[in-house]
């Protein structure tokens, strides 16, 4: 006869809540209110936490997401360097050429896609129907990918 284990594999995000629940159940003066509160919190986390985990339909979609996150981190680091150089430039007027070189170098290290997609696109604010009333179509930033000129 096979023996069944009561061991249940818990997701990593329930570790803290499970420890609180186990401590409440093992407490010497057993408090049913504390056990119920800990169980309710663990249940809440089990229901809410998976909703914030991104779901991907394919490996390409996951890779695209990871590439976007890496580009975002590179942009943040590059912009932080630019702001730092600009602060130094504002404070130390004597070494302007060297500090301007730092700014240019930092801009040069930014991903090329970021430089082209953050420029405002004036065509994005056109209205449907050629200037009449209606909703604004498309984003106001970027190259308007997928939007054809004839509005189709």
C-alpha atoms as a PDB file:
ATOM      1  CA  UNK A   1       0.000   0.000   0.000  1.00  0.00           C
ATOM      2  CA  UNK A   2       1.422   3.392  -0.995  1.00  0.00           C
ATOM      3  CA  UNK A   3       1.858   5.963   1.695  1.00  0.00           C
ATOM      4  CA  UNK A   4       0.761   9.511   0.917  1.00  0.00           C
ATOM      5  CA  UNK A   5       2.819  12.438   2.117  1.00  0.00           C
ATOM      6  CA  UNK A   6       1.221  15.479   3.703  1.00  0.00           C
ATOM      7  CA  UNK A   7       4.079  17.614   2.373  1.00  0.00           C
ATOM      8  CA  UNK A   8       2.721  20.341   0.114  1.00  0.00           C
ATOM      9  CA  UNK A   9       5.025  22.391  -2.090  1.00  0.00           C
ATOM     10  CA  UNK A  10       4.312  26.079  -1.445  1.00  0.00           C
ATOM     11  CA  UNK A  11       5.156  28.924  -3.773  1.00  0.00           C
ATOM     12  CA  UNK A  12       8.167  31.004  -2.718  1.00  0.00           C
ATOM     13  CA  UNK A  13       6.023  34.072  -2.022  1.00  0.00           C
ATOM     14  CA  UNK A  14       4.129  32.253   0.766  1.00  0.00           C
ATOM     15  CA  UNK A  15       7.241  31.469   2.814  1.00  0.00           C
ATOM     16  CA  UNK A  16       6.865  34.325   5.309  1.00  0.00           C
ATOM     17  CA  UNK A  17       3.103  33.871   5.707  1.00  0.00           C
ATOM     18  CA  UNK A  18       3.505  30.124   6.244  1.00  0.00           C
ATOM     19  CA  UNK A  19       6.146  30.719   8.932  1.00  0.00           C
ATOM     20  CA  UNK A  20       3.756  33.087  10.739  1.00  0.00           C
ATOM     21  CA  UNK A  21       0.939  30.528  10.451  1.00  0.00           C
ATOM     22  CA  UNK A  22       3.151  27.676  11.716  1.00  0.00           C
ATOM     23  CA  UNK A  23       4.326  29.826  14.653  1.00  0.00           C
ATOM     24  CA  UNK A  24       0.720  30.736  15.520  1.00  0.00           C
ATOM     25  CA  UNK A  25      -0.323  27.063  15.454  1.00  0.00           C
ATOM     26  CA  UNK A  26       2.685  26.004  17.552  1.00  0.00           C
ATOM     27  CA  UNK A  27       2.230  28.717  20.184  1.00  0.00           C
ATOM     28  CA  UNK A  28       1.862  27.311  23.706  1.00  0.00           C
ATOM     29  CA  UNK A  29      -1.255  29.215  24.661  1.00  0.00           C
ATOM     30  CA  UNK A  30      -2.985  28.357  21.365  1.00  0.00           C
ATOM     31  CA  UNK A  31      -4.876  31.408  20.107  1.00  0.00           C
ATOM     32  CA  UNK A  32      -7.504  30.515  17.490  1.00  0.00           C
ATOM     33  CA  UNK A  33      -7.900  34.188  16.501  1.00  0.00           C
ATOM     34  CA  UNK A  34      -4.175  34.495  15.694  1.00  0.00           C
ATOM     35  CA  UNK A  35      -4.237  31.229  13.718  1.00  0.00           C
ATOM     36  CA  UNK A  36      -7.292  32.362  11.760  1.00  0.00           C
ATOM     37  CA  UNK A  37      -5.731  35.777  11.038  1.00  0.00           C
ATOM     38  CA  UNK A  38      -2.468  34.162   9.850  1.00  0.00           C
ATOM     39  CA  UNK A  39      -4.379  31.713   7.648  1.00  0.00           C
ATOM     40  CA  UNK A  40      -6.476  34.537   6.176  1.00  0.00           C
ATOM     41  CA  UNK A  41      -3.320  36.545   5.375  1.00  0.00           C
ATOM     42  CA  UNK A  42      -1.662  33.521   3.745  1.00  0.00           C
ATOM     43  CA  UNK A  43      -4.809  32.959   1.676  1.00  0.00           C
ATOM     44  CA  UNK A  44      -4.900  36.631   0.636  1.00  0.00           C
ATOM     45  CA  UNK A  45      -1.257  36.545  -0.463  1.00  0.00           C
ATOM     46  CA  UNK A  46      -1.843  33.267  -2.324  1.00  0.00           C
ATOM     47  CA  UNK A  47      -4.664  34.897  -4.280  1.00  0.00           C
ATOM     48  CA  UNK A  48      -3.094  38.322  -4.933  1.00  0.00           C
ATOM     49  CA  UNK A  49       0.615  37.603  -5.528  1.00  0.00           C
ATOM     50  CA  UNK A  50       0.285  35.489  -8.700  1.00  0.00           C
ATOM     51  CA  UNK A  51      -1.664  38.293 -10.383  1.00  0.00           C
ATOM     52  CA  UNK A  52       1.454  40.481 -10.468  1.00  0.00           C
ATOM     53  CA  UNK A  53       3.652  37.808 -12.064  1.00  0.00           C
ATOM     54  CA  UNK A  54       3.907  38.429 -15.818  1.00  0.00           C
ATOM     55  CA  UNK A  55       2.501  35.666 -18.007  1.00  0.00           C
ATOM     56  CA  UNK A  56       4.055  34.969 -21.384  1.00  0.00           C
ATOM     57  CA  UNK A  57       2.454  33.132 -24.294  1.00  0.00           C
ATOM     58  CA  UNK A  58       5.770  32.225 -25.935  1.00  0.00           C
ATOM     59  CA  UNK A  59       9.510  32.193 -25.396  1.00  0.00           C
ATOM     60  CA  UNK A  60       9.822  35.103 -27.833  1.00  0.00           C
ATOM     61  CA  UNK A  61       7.424  37.172 -25.733  1.00  0.00           C
ATOM     62  CA  UNK A  62       9.407  36.377 -22.580  1.00  0.00           C
ATOM     63  CA  UNK A  63      12.690  37.242 -24.303  1.00  0.00           C
ATOM     64  CA  UNK A  64      11.215  40.507 -25.539  1.00  0.00           C
ATOM     65  CA  UNK A  65      10.108  41.349 -21.998  1.00  0.00           C
ATOM     66  CA  UNK A  66      13.563  40.582 -20.591  1.00  0.00           C
ATOM     67  CA  UNK A  67      15.200  42.670 -23.326  1.00  0.00           C
ATOM     68  CA  UNK A  68      12.865  45.552 -22.508  1.00  0.00           C
ATOM     69  CA  UNK A  69      13.746  45.307 -18.805  1.00  0.00           C
ATOM     70  CA  UNK A  70      17.479  45.309 -19.633  1.00  0.00           C
ATOM     71  CA  UNK A  71      17.058  48.321 -21.919  1.00  0.00           C
ATOM     72  CA  UNK A  72      15.085  50.116 -19.202  1.00  0.00           C
ATOM     73  CA  UNK A  73      17.888  49.489 -16.701  1.00  0.00           C
ATOM     74  CA  UNK A  74      20.486  50.716 -19.218  1.00  0.00           C
ATOM     75  CA  UNK A  75      18.438  53.858 -19.830  1.00  0.00           C
ATOM     76  CA  UNK A  76      18.142  54.571 -16.116  1.00  0.00           C
ATOM     77  CA  UNK A  77      21.889  54.123 -15.618  1.00  0.00           C
ATOM     78  CA  UNK A  78      22.705  56.280 -18.642  1.00  0.00           C
ATOM     79  CA  UNK A  79      20.323  59.044 -17.640  1.00  0.00           C
ATOM     80  CA  UNK A  80      21.705  59.013 -14.092  1.00  0.00           C
ATOM     81  CA  UNK A  81      25.194  59.496 -15.545  1.00  0.00           C
ATOM     82  CA  UNK A  82      23.947  62.349 -17.743  1.00  0.00           C
ATOM     83  CA  UNK A  83      22.272  64.099 -14.803  1.00  0.00           C
ATOM     84  CA  UNK A  84      25.408  63.659 -12.704  1.00  0.00           C
ATOM     85  CA  UNK A  85      27.567  65.155 -15.447  1.00  0.00           C
ATOM     86  CA  UNK A  86      25.151  68.049 -15.891  1.00  0.00           C
ATOM     87  CA  UNK A  87      25.251  68.774 -12.141  1.00  0.00           C
ATOM     88  CA  UNK A  88      29.050  68.816 -12.257  1.00  0.00           C
ATOM     89  CA  UNK A  89      28.900  71.031 -15.336  1.00  0.00           C
ATOM     90  CA  UNK A  90      26.679  73.504 -13.511  1.00  0.00           C
ATOM     91  CA  UNK A  91      29.011  73.614 -10.487  1.00  0.00           C
ATOM     92  CA  UNK A  92      32.408  73.557 -12.191  1.00  0.00           C
ATOM     93  CA  UNK A  93      32.339  76.088 -15.006  1.00  0.00           C
ATOM     94  CA  UNK A  94      36.128  75.867 -15.572  1.00  0.00           C
ATOM     95  CA  UNK A  95      36.235  72.321 -16.957  1.00  0.00           C
ATOM     96  CA  UNK A  96      33.317  72.678 -19.373  1.00  0.00           C
ATOM     97  CA  UNK A  97      34.890  70.833 -22.347  1.00  0.00           C
ATOM     98  CA  UNK A  98      35.752  67.741 -20.287  1.00  0.00           C
ATOM     99  CA  UNK A  99      32.305  67.602 -18.676  1.00  0.00           C
ATOM    100  CA  UNK A 100      30.569  68.106 -22.021  1.00  0.00           C
ATOM    101  CA  UNK A 101      32.612  65.174 -23.282  1.00  0.00           C
ATOM    102  CA  UNK A 102      31.229  63.081 -20.398  1.00  0.00           C
ATOM    103  CA  UNK A 103      27.657  64.048 -21.319  1.00  0.00           C
ATOM    104  CA  UNK A 104      28.220  63.214 -24.992  1.00  0.00           C
ATOM    105  CA  UNK A 105      29.802  59.882 -24.049  1.00  0.00           C
ATOM    106  CA  UNK A 106      26.874  59.038 -21.742  1.00  0.00           C
ATOM    107  CA  UNK A 107      24.362  59.872 -24.474  1.00  0.00           C
ATOM    108  CA  UNK A 108      26.369  57.723 -26.877  1.00  0.00           C
ATOM    109  CA  UNK A 109      26.038  54.730 -24.534  1.00  0.00           C
ATOM    110  CA  UNK A 110      22.238  54.943 -24.473  1.00  0.00           C
ATOM    111  CA  UNK A 111      20.489  52.292 -26.548  1.00  0.00           C
ATOM    112  CA  UNK A 112      19.816  53.673 -30.045  1.00  0.00           C
ATOM    113  CA  UNK A 113      16.167  52.619 -29.850  1.00  0.00           C
ATOM    114  CA  UNK A 114      15.619  54.786 -26.769  1.00  0.00           C
ATOM    115  CA  UNK A 115      16.874  57.913 -28.485  1.00  0.00           C
ATOM    116  CA  UNK A 116      14.501  57.492 -31.437  1.00  0.00           C
ATOM    117  CA  UNK A 117      11.412  56.435 -29.475  1.00  0.00           C
ATOM    118  CA  UNK A 118      11.455  59.216 -26.890  1.00  0.00           C
ATOM    119  CA  UNK A 119      11.223  62.049 -29.405  1.00  0.00           C
ATOM    120  CA  UNK A 120       7.664  63.478 -29.473  1.00  0.00           C
ATOM    121  CA  UNK A 121       5.844  62.756 -32.711  1.00  0.00           C
ATOM    122  CA  UNK A 122       3.596  65.624 -33.754  1.00  0.00           C
ATOM    123  CA  UNK A 123       1.601  63.415 -36.141  1.00  0.00           C
ATOM    124  CA  UNK A 124       0.289  61.293 -33.259  1.00  0.00           C
ATOM    125  CA  UNK A 125      -2.303  63.866 -32.249  1.00  0.00           C
ATOM    126  CA  UNK A 126      -4.316  63.798 -35.490  1.00  0.00           C
ATOM    127  CA  UNK A 127      -8.002  63.285 -35.114  1.00  0.00           C
ATOM    128  CA  UNK A 128      -9.961  60.608 -36.936  1.00  0.00           C
ATOM    129  CA  UNK A 129     -11.865  61.793 -39.962  1.00  0.00           C
ATOM    130  CA  UNK A 130      -9.384  64.456 -41.075  1.00  0.00           C
ATOM    131  CA  UNK A 131      -9.607  67.238 -38.525  1.00  0.00           C
ATOM    132  CA  UNK A 132     -13.230  66.842 -37.484  1.00  0.00           C
ATOM    133  CA  UNK A 133     -14.358  65.832 -34.026  1.00  0.00           C
ATOM    134  CA  UNK A 134     -13.353  62.482 -32.686  1.00  0.00           C
ATOM    135  CA  UNK A 135     -10.892  60.734 -30.491  1.00  0.00           C
ATOM    136  CA  UNK A 136      -7.146  61.128 -30.714  1.00  0.00           C
ATOM    137  CA  UNK A 137      -5.595  58.111 -32.377  1.00  0.00           C
ATOM    138  CA  UNK A 138      -2.258  56.543 -31.538  1.00  0.00           C
ATOM    139  CA  UNK A 139       0.357  57.463 -28.970  1.00  0.00           C
ATOM    140  CA  UNK A 140       1.906  60.911 -28.912  1.00  0.00           C
ATOM    141  CA  UNK A 141       5.418  59.418 -28.647  1.00  0.00           C
ATOM    142  CA  UNK A 142       7.261  57.141 -30.994  1.00  0.00           C
ATOM    143  CA  UNK A 143       7.126  56.192 -34.604  1.00  0.00           C
ATOM    144  CA  UNK A 144       3.429  55.242 -34.704  1.00  0.00           C
ATOM    145  CA  UNK A 145       4.102  51.599 -35.514  1.00  0.00           C
ATOM    146  CA  UNK A 146       1.170  49.864 -37.154  1.00  0.00           C
ATOM    147  CA  UNK A 147      -0.635  53.096 -38.071  1.00  0.00           C
ATOM    148  CA  UNK A 148      -0.815  53.754 -41.787  1.00  0.00           C
ATOM    149  CA  UNK A 149      -0.958  57.246 -43.252  1.00  0.00           C
ATOM    150  CA  UNK A 150      -4.388  56.805 -44.875  1.00  0.00           C
ATOM    151  CA  UNK A 151      -5.956  55.909 -41.515  1.00  0.00           C
ATOM    152  CA  UNK A 152      -6.700  52.302 -42.495  1.00  0.00           C
END
